[in-house]
Amino acid sequence: MNFFKIGLVMALTFMFSSVWAAELVEVQNGQRIGSIVESSHNGIEEGLARIAIQADEMGGKSYRITGINDNENGSFNIFAEVYR
């Protein structure tokens, strides 16, 4: 199971590395306005999409994924911070 988690983190890092790099530059000058915890039963992609929507609704210019937990029941918890 640990190999799955490591592979998942590596894949997500590769897929979103350019997006994260752009956001991290903006985050350095931004003000943290909140955090989001999203639970997704339909995969990580859906959870990430819902985080992006929620961050936009909060008035955030950027967000940063701070953690992803793989639950035993097949769902994922995704943690994010939102910045102005």
Protein backbone atom coordinates (compact mmCIF):
# COMPACT_ATOMS: atom_id res chain seq x y z
CA MET A 1 0.00 0.00 0.00
CA ASN A 2 2.87 2.39 0.70
CA PHE A 3 4.14 1.93 -2.86
CA PHE A 4 0.71 2.98 -4.14
CA LYS A 5 0.80 6.14 -2.04
CA ILE A 6 4.35 6.97 -3.13
CA GLY A 7 3.44 6.39 -6.78
CA LEU A 8 0.32 8.51 -6.42
CA VAL A 9 2.25 11.41 -4.90
CA MET A 10 4.92 11.17 -7.60
CA ALA A 11 2.31 11.11 -10.36
CA LEU A 12 0.43 14.09 -8.94
CA THR A 13 3.65 16.01 -8.45
CA PHE A 14 4.65 15.39 -12.05
CA MET A 15 1.20 16.26 -13.42
CA PHE A 16 0.78 19.48 -11.47
CA SER A 17 4.37 20.61 -10.95
CA SER A 18 4.12 23.51 -13.38
CA VAL A 19 0.79 24.62 -11.88
CA TRP A 20 2.16 24.38 -8.34
CA ALA A 21 5.28 26.33 -9.28
CA ALA A 22 3.18 29.18 -10.65
CA GLU A 23 0.94 29.17 -7.59
CA LEU A 24 3.81 29.06 -5.11
CA VAL A 25 5.29 32.21 -6.61
CA GLU A 26 1.97 33.97 -6.18
CA VAL A 27 1.45 32.54 -2.69
CA GLN A 28 4.66 34.15 -1.46
CA ASN A 29 3.08 37.58 -1.91
CA GLY A 30 -0.50 36.56 -1.08
CA GLN A 31 -2.44 36.57 2.14
CA ARG A 32 -3.93 33.32 3.43
CA ILE A 33 -7.71 33.68 3.55
CA GLY A 34 -8.81 30.16 4.45
CA SER A 35 -8.45 26.44 4.11
CA ILE A 36 -10.47 23.68 2.47
CA VAL A 37 -10.90 20.01 3.31
CA GLU A 38 -12.53 18.06 0.49
CA SER A 39 -13.60 14.42 0.71
CA SER A 40 -13.94 12.72 -2.65
CA HIS A 41 -15.35 9.26 -3.30
CA ASN A 42 -14.99 9.55 -7.09
CA GLY A 43 -11.25 10.02 -7.37
CA ILE A 44 -8.63 12.66 -6.79
CA GLU A 45 -9.37 14.54 -10.01
CA GLU A 46 -12.91 15.32 -8.90
CA GLY A 47 -11.70 16.41 -5.48
CA LEU A 48 -9.09 18.73 -6.99
CA ALA A 49 -11.70 20.24 -9.30
CA ARG A 50 -14.02 20.92 -6.36
CA ILE A 51 -11.16 22.53 -4.42
CA ALA A 52 -10.49 24.86 -7.37
CA ILE A 53 -14.18 25.82 -7.49
CA GLN A 54 -14.37 26.42 -3.74
CA ALA A 55 -11.17 28.50 -3.76
CA ASP A 56 -12.63 30.66 -6.54
CA GLU A 57 -15.90 31.08 -4.61
CA MET A 58 -13.89 32.22 -1.57
CA GLY A 59 -12.31 34.96 -3.69
CA GLY A 60 -8.91 33.32 -3.75
CA LYS A 61 -6.39 33.96 -6.49
CA SER A 62 -4.45 30.79 -5.75
CA TYR A 63 -4.50 27.70 -3.60
CA ARG A 64 -1.94 25.20 -2.43
CA ILE A 65 -2.57 21.51 -1.82
CA THR A 66 -1.14 20.72 1.61
CA GLY A 67 -2.03 17.04 1.88
CA ILE A 68 -3.87 14.07 0.46
CA ASN A 69 -5.05 11.11 2.55
CA ASP A 70 -6.07 7.81 1.00
CA ASN A 71 -8.81 6.28 3.17
CA GLU A 72 -9.42 2.55 3.46
CA ASN A 73 -12.90 2.87 1.94
CA GLY A 74 -11.54 4.17 -1.37
CA SER A 75 -12.15 7.85 -0.73
CA PHE A 76 -9.60 10.64 -0.54
CA ASN A 77 -9.33 13.64 1.77
CA ILE A 78 -7.61 16.59 0.13
CA PHE A 79 -6.38 19.54 2.18
CA ALA A 80 -5.70 22.97 0.68
CA GLU A 81 -4.92 26.53 1.73
CA VAL A 82 -6.45 29.45 -0.17
CA TYR A 83 -4.60 32.72 -0.78
CA ARG A 84 -5.74 36.16 -1.90
